[in-house]
Amino acid sequence: MGRGRAKAKQTKVARELKYYSPDTDLSSLERELHGSSSTSLPSTRVAESGTDEDDDYDKWASGRR
């Protein structure tokens, strides 16, 4: 029992989220999308494919320890 109130609240929140449209700063969005030459993105490193963890798993999976 008591599911009615909880469901009604969830429905209300879902409806508010669905139809809520915040004010959008279009000039800020344009700057972000176009970017500038002075701003550089941080580089991301890709993990090496032959890490120690992989080797440990391979040993375990093959039955060697």
PDB file of N, CA and C in Angstrom:
ATOM      1  N   MET A   1       0.834  -1.185   0.000  1.00  0.00           N
ATOM      2  CA  MET A   1       0.000   0.000   0.000  1.00  0.00           C
ATOM      3  C   MET A   1       0.879   1.248   0.000  1.00  0.00           C
ATOM      4  N   GLY A   2       0.284   2.347  -0.338  1.00  0.00           N
ATOM      5  CA  GLY A   2       1.034   3.579  -0.370  1.00  0.00           C
ATOM      6  C   GLY A   2       1.735   3.810  -1.697  1.00  0.00           C
ATOM      7  N   ARG A   3       1.544   2.910  -2.635  1.00  0.00           N
ATOM      8  CA  ARG A   3       2.213   3.031  -3.937  1.00  0.00           C
ATOM      9  C   ARG A   3       1.639   4.189  -4.741  1.00  0.00           C
ATOM     10  N   GLY A   4       0.418   4.552  -4.488  1.00  0.00           N
ATOM     11  CA  GLY A   4      -0.248   5.608  -5.254  1.00  0.00           C
ATOM     12  C   GLY A   4       0.460   6.942  -5.163  1.00  0.00           C
ATOM     13  N   ARG A   5       0.835   7.344  -3.952  1.00  0.00           N
ATOM     14  CA  ARG A   5       1.515   8.631  -3.781  1.00  0.00           C
ATOM     15  C   ARG A   5       2.885   8.622  -4.436  1.00  0.00           C
ATOM     16  N   ALA A   6       3.616   7.533  -4.254  1.00  0.00           N
ATOM     17  CA  ALA A   6       4.957   7.440  -4.827  1.00  0.00           C
ATOM     18  C   ALA A   6       4.888   7.493  -6.352  1.00  0.00           C
ATOM     19  N   LYS A   7       3.929   6.769  -6.917  1.00  0.00           N
ATOM     20  CA  LYS A   7       3.782   6.757  -8.372  1.00  0.00           C
ATOM     21  C   LYS A   7       3.358   8.129  -8.875  1.00  0.00           C
ATOM     22  N   ALA A   8       2.484   8.791  -8.162  1.00  0.00           N
ATOM     23  CA  ALA A   8       2.035  10.125  -8.564  1.00  0.00           C
ATOM     24  C   ALA A   8       3.199  11.106  -8.548  1.00  0.00           C
ATOM     25  N   LYS A   9       4.053  10.989  -7.536  1.00  0.00           N
ATOM     26  CA  LYS A   9       5.201  11.887  -7.456  1.00  0.00           C
ATOM     27  C   LYS A   9       6.180  11.605  -8.590  1.00  0.00           C
ATOM     28  N   GLN A  10       6.442  10.331  -8.879  1.00  0.00           N
ATOM     29  CA  GLN A  10       7.337   9.976  -9.971  1.00  0.00           C
ATOM     30  C   GLN A  10       6.798  10.495 -11.304  1.00  0.00           C
ATOM     31  N   THR A  11       5.500  10.388 -11.497  1.00  0.00           N
ATOM     32  CA  THR A  11       4.876  10.876 -12.717  1.00  0.00           C
ATOM     33  C   THR A  11       5.028  12.389 -12.824  1.00  0.00           C
ATOM     34  N   LYS A  12       4.828  13.080 -11.720  1.00  0.00           N
ATOM     35  CA  LYS A  12       4.952  14.534 -11.704  1.00  0.00           C
ATOM     36  C   LYS A  12       6.385  14.950 -12.040  1.00  0.00           C
ATOM     37  N   VAL A  13       7.364  14.303 -11.413  1.00  0.00           N
ATOM     38  CA  VAL A  13       8.763  14.638 -11.651  1.00  0.00           C
ATOM     39  C   VAL A  13       9.134  14.336 -13.103  1.00  0.00           C
ATOM     40  N   ALA A  14       8.694  13.205 -13.617  1.00  0.00           N
ATOM     41  CA  ALA A  14       8.996  12.841 -14.998  1.00  0.00           C
ATOM     42  C   ALA A  14       8.403  13.849 -15.967  1.00  0.00           C
ATOM     43  N   ARG A  15       7.193  14.289 -15.690  1.00  0.00           N
ATOM     44  CA  ARG A  15       6.541  15.270 -16.557  1.00  0.00           C
ATOM     45  C   ARG A  15       7.277  16.606 -16.514  1.00  0.00           C
ATOM     46  N   GLU A  16       7.718  17.014 -15.329  1.00  0.00           N
ATOM     47  CA  GLU A  16       8.472  18.260 -15.211  1.00  0.00           C
ATOM     48  C   GLU A  16       9.782  18.186 -15.986  1.00  0.00           C
ATOM     49  N   LEU A  17      10.478  17.061 -15.896  1.00  0.00           N
ATOM     50  CA  LEU A  17      11.731  16.902 -16.616  1.00  0.00           C
ATOM     51  C   LEU A  17      11.517  16.891 -18.127  1.00  0.00           C
ATOM     52  N   LYS A  18      10.432  16.270 -18.550  1.00  0.00           N
ATOM     53  CA  LYS A  18      10.155  16.153 -19.975  1.00  0.00           C
ATOM     54  C   LYS A  18       9.859  17.510 -20.605  1.00  0.00           C
ATOM     55  N   TYR A  19       9.107  18.341 -19.918  1.00  0.00           N
ATOM     56  CA  TYR A  19       8.663  19.593 -20.511  1.00  0.00           C
ATOM     57  C   TYR A  19       9.448  20.816 -20.048  1.00  0.00           C
ATOM     58  N   TYR A  20      10.459  20.622 -19.207  1.00  0.00           N
ATOM     59  CA  TYR A  20      11.249  21.747 -18.715  1.00  0.00           C
ATOM     60  C   TYR A  20      12.232  22.172 -19.793  1.00  0.00           C
ATOM     61  N   SER A  21      12.266  23.440 -20.112  1.00  0.00           N
ATOM     62  CA  SER A  21      13.240  23.935 -21.086  1.00  0.00           C
ATOM     63  C   SER A  21      13.974  25.129 -20.481  1.00  0.00           C
ATOM     64  N   PRO A  22      15.188  24.919 -20.007  1.00  0.00           N
ATOM     65  CA  PRO A  22      15.944  26.006 -19.391  1.00  0.00           C
ATOM     66  C   PRO A  22      16.362  27.031 -20.439  1.00  0.00           C
ATOM     67  N   ASP A  23      16.664  28.242 -19.987  1.00  0.00           N
ATOM     68  CA  ASP A  23      17.167  29.277 -20.877  1.00  0.00           C
ATOM     69  C   ASP A  23      18.546  28.851 -21.373  1.00  0.00           C
ATOM     70  N   THR A  24      18.750  28.971 -22.671  1.00  0.00           N
ATOM     71  CA  THR A  24      20.009  28.551 -23.265  1.00  0.00           C
ATOM     72  C   THR A  24      20.820  29.774 -23.669  1.00  0.00           C
ATOM     73  N   ASP A  25      22.080  29.784 -23.259  1.00  0.00           N
ATOM     74  CA  ASP A  25      22.984  30.861 -23.648  1.00  0.00           C
ATOM     75  C   ASP A  25      23.590  30.470 -24.995  1.00  0.00           C
ATOM     76  N   LEU A  26      22.970  30.942 -26.064  1.00  0.00           N
ATOM     77  CA  LEU A  26      23.381  30.523 -27.398  1.00  0.00           C
ATOM     78  C   LEU A  26      24.774  31.020 -27.769  1.00  0.00           C
ATOM     79  N   SER A  27      25.157  32.188 -27.299  1.00  0.00           N
ATOM     80  CA  SER A  27      26.497  32.686 -27.624  1.00  0.00           C
ATOM     81  C   SER A  27      27.571  31.820 -26.959  1.00  0.00           C
ATOM     82  N   SER A  28      27.306  31.378 -25.754  1.00  0.00           N
ATOM     83  CA  SER A  28      28.244  30.489 -25.070  1.00  0.00           C
ATOM     84  C   SER A  28      28.323  29.143 -25.787  1.00  0.00           C
ATOM     85  N   LEU A  29      27.190  28.644 -26.230  1.00  0.00           N
ATOM     86  CA  LEU A  29      27.158  27.384 -26.965  1.00  0.00           C
ATOM     87  C   LEU A  29      27.929  27.511 -28.273  1.00  0.00           C
ATOM     88  N   GLU A  30      27.756  28.634 -28.954  1.00  0.00           N
ATOM     89  CA  GLU A  30      28.465  28.853 -30.210  1.00  0.00           C
ATOM     90  C   GLU A  30      29.975  28.878 -29.982  1.00  0.00           C
ATOM     91  N   ARG A  31      30.419  29.562 -28.919  1.00  0.00           N
ATOM     92  CA  ARG A  31      31.857  29.607 -28.608  1.00  0.00           C
ATOM     93  C   ARG A  31      32.385  28.210 -28.320  1.00  0.00           C
ATOM     94  N   GLU A  32      31.595  27.436 -27.595  1.00  0.00           N
ATOM     95  CA  GLU A  32      32.022  26.086 -27.239  1.00  0.00           C
ATOM     96  C   GLU A  32      32.119  25.194 -28.474  1.00  0.00           C
ATOM     97  N   LEU A  33      31.157  25.312 -29.379  1.00  0.00           N
ATOM     98  CA  LEU A  33      31.157  24.462 -30.564  1.00  0.00           C
ATOM     99  C   LEU A  33      32.249  24.848 -31.559  1.00  0.00           C
ATOM    100  N   HIS A  34      32.476  26.146 -31.726  1.00  0.00           N
ATOM    101  CA  HIS A  34      33.494  26.585 -32.667  1.00  0.00           C
ATOM    102  C   HIS A  34      34.883  26.468 -32.071  1.00  0.00           C
ATOM    103  N   GLY A  35      34.988  26.656 -30.785  1.00  0.00           N
ATOM    104  CA  GLY A  35      36.286  26.580 -30.133  1.00  0.00           C
ATOM    105  C   GLY A  35      37.169  27.732 -30.568  1.00  0.00           C
ATOM    106  N   SER A  36      38.318  27.810 -29.972  1.00  0.00           N
ATOM    107  CA  SER A  36      39.277  28.841 -30.365  1.00  0.00           C
ATOM    108  C   SER A  36      40.644  28.206 -30.459  1.00  0.00           C
ATOM    109  N   SER A  37      41.532  28.831 -31.206  1.00  0.00           N
ATOM    110  CA  SER A  37      42.858  28.264 -31.423  1.00  0.00           C
ATOM    111  C   SER A  37      43.720  28.303 -30.161  1.00  0.00           C
ATOM    112  N   SER A  38      43.400  29.214 -29.230  1.00  0.00           N
ATOM    113  CA  SER A  38      44.213  29.324 -28.021  1.00  0.00           C
ATOM    114  C   SER A  38      43.861  28.256 -26.983  1.00  0.00           C
ATOM    115  N   THR A  39      42.700  27.638 -27.133  1.00  0.00           N
ATOM    116  CA  THR A  39      42.272  26.611 -26.183  1.00  0.00           C
ATOM    117  C   THR A  39      42.639  25.242 -26.730  1.00  0.00           C
ATOM    118  N   SER A  40      43.338  24.463 -25.943  1.00  0.00           N
ATOM    119  CA  SER A  40      43.689  23.116 -26.377  1.00  0.00           C
ATOM    120  C   SER A  40      43.013  22.109 -25.465  1.00  0.00           C
ATOM    121  N   LEU A  41      42.617  21.013 -26.052  1.00  0.00           N
ATOM    122  CA  LEU A  41      41.979  19.962 -25.278  1.00  0.00           C
ATOM    123  C   LEU A  41      43.045  19.129 -24.594  1.00  0.00           C
ATOM    124  N   PRO A  42      42.763  18.637 -23.390  1.00  0.00           N
ATOM    125  CA  PRO A  42      43.741  17.783 -22.715  1.00  0.00           C
ATOM    126  C   PRO A  42      43.900  16.463 -23.468  1.00  0.00           C
ATOM    127  N   SER A  43      45.124  15.999 -23.545  1.00  0.00           N
ATOM    128  CA  SER A  43      45.358  14.744 -24.244  1.00  0.00           C
ATOM    129  C   SER A  43      44.960  13.582 -23.341  1.00  0.00           C
ATOM    130  N   THR A  44      44.463  12.546 -23.970  1.00  0.00           N
ATOM    131  CA  THR A  44      44.082  11.357 -23.218  1.00  0.00           C
ATOM    132  C   THR A  44      45.006  10.223 -23.633  1.00  0.00           C
ATOM    133  N   ARG A  45      45.386   9.436 -22.656  1.00  0.00           N
ATOM    134  CA  ARG A  45      46.267   8.309 -22.925  1.00  0.00           C
ATOM    135  C   ARG A  45      45.436   7.051 -23.056  1.00  0.00           C
ATOM    136  N   VAL A  46      45.792   6.248 -24.015  1.00  0.00           N
ATOM    137  CA  VAL A  46      45.129   4.967 -24.217  1.00  0.00           C
ATOM    138  C   VAL A  46      45.990   3.912 -23.540  1.00  0.00           C
ATOM    139  N   ALA A  47      45.336   3.042 -22.775  1.00  0.00           N
ATOM    140  CA  ALA A  47      46.071   2.002 -22.063  1.00  0.00           C
ATOM    141  C   ALA A  47      46.714   1.043 -23.058  1.00  0.00           C
ATOM    142  N   GLU A  48      47.887   0.575 -22.700  1.00  0.00           N
ATOM    143  CA  GLU A  48      48.573  -0.391 -23.556  1.00  0.00           C
ATOM    144  C   GLU A  48      47.817  -1.707 -23.533  1.00  0.00           C
ATOM    145  N   SER A  49      47.848  -2.411 -24.646  1.00  0.00           N
ATOM    146  CA  SER A  49      47.086  -3.649 -24.726  1.00  0.00           C
ATOM    147  C   SER A  49      47.749  -4.787 -23.943  1.00  0.00           C
ATOM    148  N   GLY A  50      49.047  -4.740 -23.717  1.00  0.00           N
ATOM    149  CA  GLY A  50      49.740  -5.816 -23.024  1.00  0.00           C
ATOM    150  C   GLY A  50      50.084  -5.455 -21.600  1.00  0.00           C
ATOM    151  N   THR A  51      49.100  -5.177 -20.775  1.00  0.00           N
ATOM    152  CA  THR A  51      49.380  -4.799 -19.399  1.00  0.00           C
ATOM    153  C   THR A  51      49.570  -6.024 -18.532  1.00  0.00           C
ATOM    154  N   ASP A  52      50.104  -5.823 -17.343  1.00  0.00           N
ATOM    155  CA  ASP A  52      50.328  -6.920 -16.411  1.00  0.00           C
ATOM    156  C   ASP A  52      49.027  -7.587 -16.014  1.00  0.00           C
ATOM    157  N   GLU A  53      47.960  -6.811 -15.883  1.00  0.00           N
ATOM    158  CA  GLU A  53      46.677  -7.399 -15.490  1.00  0.00           C
ATOM    159  C   GLU A  53      46.219  -8.420 -16.517  1.00  0.00           C
ATOM    160  N   ASP A  54      46.425  -8.120 -17.803  1.00  0.00           N
ATOM    161  CA  ASP A  54      46.034  -9.060 -18.853  1.00  0.00           C
ATOM    162  C   ASP A  54      46.839 -10.345 -18.726  1.00  0.00           C
ATOM    163  N   ASP A  55      48.125 -10.215 -18.434  1.00  0.00           N
ATOM    164  CA  ASP A  55      48.972 -11.389 -18.304  1.00  0.00           C
ATOM    165  C   ASP A  55      48.512 -12.257 -17.143  1.00  0.00           C
ATOM    166  N   ASP A  56      48.166 -11.644 -16.022  1.00  0.00           N
ATOM    167  CA  ASP A  56      47.684 -12.400 -14.874  1.00  0.00           C
ATOM    168  C   ASP A  56      46.400 -13.133 -15.212  1.00  0.00           C
ATOM    169  N   TYR A  57      45.512 -12.486 -15.933  1.00  0.00           N
ATOM    170  CA  TYR A  57      44.243 -13.119 -16.302  1.00  0.00           C
ATOM    171  C   TYR A  57      44.495 -14.279 -17.255  1.00  0.00           C
ATOM    172  N   ASP A  58      45.397 -14.082 -18.215  1.00  0.00           N
ATOM    173  CA  ASP A  58      45.695 -15.154 -19.164  1.00  0.00           C
ATOM    174  C   ASP A  58      46.235 -16.385 -18.443  1.00  0.00           C
ATOM    175  N   LYS A  59      47.107 -16.153 -17.455  1.00  0.00           N
ATOM    176  CA  LYS A  59      47.644 -17.284 -16.686  1.00  0.00           C
ATOM    177  C   LYS A  59      46.534 -17.991 -15.926  1.00  0.00           C
ATOM    178  N   TRP A  60      45.648 -17.207 -15.308  1.00  0.00           N
ATOM    179  CA  TRP A  60      44.558 -17.793 -14.531  1.00  0.00           C
ATOM    180  C   TRP A  60      43.587 -18.546 -15.444  1.00  0.00           C
ATOM    181  N   ALA A  61      43.267 -17.955 -16.582  1.00  0.00           N
ATOM    182  CA  ALA A  61      42.293 -18.560 -17.487  1.00  0.00           C
ATOM    183  C   ALA A  61      42.824 -19.863 -18.071  1.00  0.00           C
ATOM    184  N   SER A  62      44.127 -19.948 -18.298  1.00  0.00           N
ATOM    185  CA  SER A  62      44.674 -21.157 -18.895  1.00  0.00           C
ATOM    186  C   SER A  62      44.992 -22.223 -17.836  1.00  0.00           C
ATOM    187  N   GLY A  63      44.837 -21.889 -16.556  1.00  0.00           N
ATOM    188  CA  GLY A  63      45.063 -22.851 -15.506  1.00  0.00           C
ATOM    189  C   GLY A  63      46.481 -22.815 -14.951  1.00  0.00           C
ATOM    190  N   ARG A  64      47.336 -21.983 -15.517  1.00  0.00           N
ATOM    191  CA  ARG A  64      48.710 -21.868 -15.003  1.00  0.00           C
ATOM    192  C   ARG A  64      48.731 -20.859 -13.871  1.00  0.00           C
ATOM    193  N   ARG A  65      49.509 -21.146 -12.849  1.00  0.00           N
ATOM    194  CA  ARG A  65      49.618 -20.187 -11.727  1.00  0.00           C
ATOM    195  C   ARG A  65      51.016 -20.062 -11.269  1.00  0.00           C
TER     196      ARG A  65
END
